[in-house]
Amino acid sequence: MYPSKNNTKTSYTSPDLSKMKAVIIDHRTTIYIAQGADSEEARYKYFARYPTRLIR
């Protein structure tokens, strides 16, 4: 009756987190960036995107 979703092929693959650098934002938030990227810049961009988060 409805087409099965199992037959569709996805072109998206998840990034390999073992090849990325973890940046800890707070006790429950961790973001992953490229190995050569600046972690302070990543924190700045994170807080710029989510301005309602408090820096503690």
Protein backbone atom coordinates (compact mmCIF):
# COMPACT_ATOMS: atom_id res chain seq x y z
CA MET A 1 0.00 0.00 0.00
CA TYR A 2 2.73 2.49 1.02
CA PRO A 3 6.30 2.30 -0.28
CA SER A 4 8.78 0.89 2.17
CA LYS A 5 11.43 3.24 3.51
CA ASN A 6 13.94 0.40 3.75
CA ASN A 7 14.51 0.45 0.00
CA THR A 8 15.67 4.07 -0.17
CA LYS A 9 19.40 4.64 -0.27
CA THR A 10 20.77 7.53 1.76
CA SER A 11 23.74 9.50 0.55
CA TYR A 12 24.49 10.94 3.99
CA THR A 13 27.11 9.38 6.23
CA SER A 14 27.77 10.43 9.81
CA PRO A 15 31.14 11.99 10.55
CA ASP A 16 33.72 9.85 12.34
CA LEU A 17 33.93 11.39 15.81
CA SER A 18 37.25 9.69 16.53
CA LYS A 19 38.82 11.95 13.87
CA MET A 20 37.35 15.12 15.42
CA LYS A 21 38.26 17.15 18.51
CA ALA A 22 35.73 17.40 21.35
CA VAL A 23 35.08 20.85 22.80
CA ILE A 24 33.30 20.83 26.15
CA ILE A 25 30.89 23.76 26.46
CA ASP A 26 29.42 22.91 29.85
CA HIS A 27 28.80 19.80 31.94
CA ARG A 28 26.20 18.45 29.51
CA THR A 29 27.14 19.98 26.15
CA THR A 30 29.98 18.77 23.93
CA ILE A 31 30.53 19.83 20.34
CA TYR A 32 32.92 18.26 17.86
CA ILE A 33 35.13 20.27 15.52
CA ALA A 34 37.86 19.51 13.00
CA GLN A 35 41.28 18.60 14.40
CA GLY A 36 43.00 21.80 13.26
CA ALA A 37 40.20 24.20 14.28
CA ASP A 38 40.43 26.62 17.21
CA SER A 39 38.41 25.52 20.24
CA GLU A 40 37.98 29.08 21.61
CA GLU A 41 36.52 30.21 18.29
CA ALA A 42 34.15 27.23 18.33
CA ARG A 43 32.95 28.21 21.82
CA TYR A 44 32.45 31.81 20.66
CA LYS A 45 30.44 30.70 17.64
CA TYR A 46 28.35 28.35 19.81
CA PHE A 47 27.42 31.12 22.24
CA ALA A 48 26.75 33.52 19.36
CA ARG A 49 24.29 31.04 17.89
CA TYR A 50 22.56 30.32 21.21
CA PRO A 51 22.55 33.67 23.06
CA THR A 52 20.07 32.52 25.71
CA ARG A 53 22.63 30.17 27.24
CA LEU A 54 24.27 31.48 30.36
CA ILE A 55 28.03 31.33 30.76
CA ARG A 56 28.74 29.89 34.20
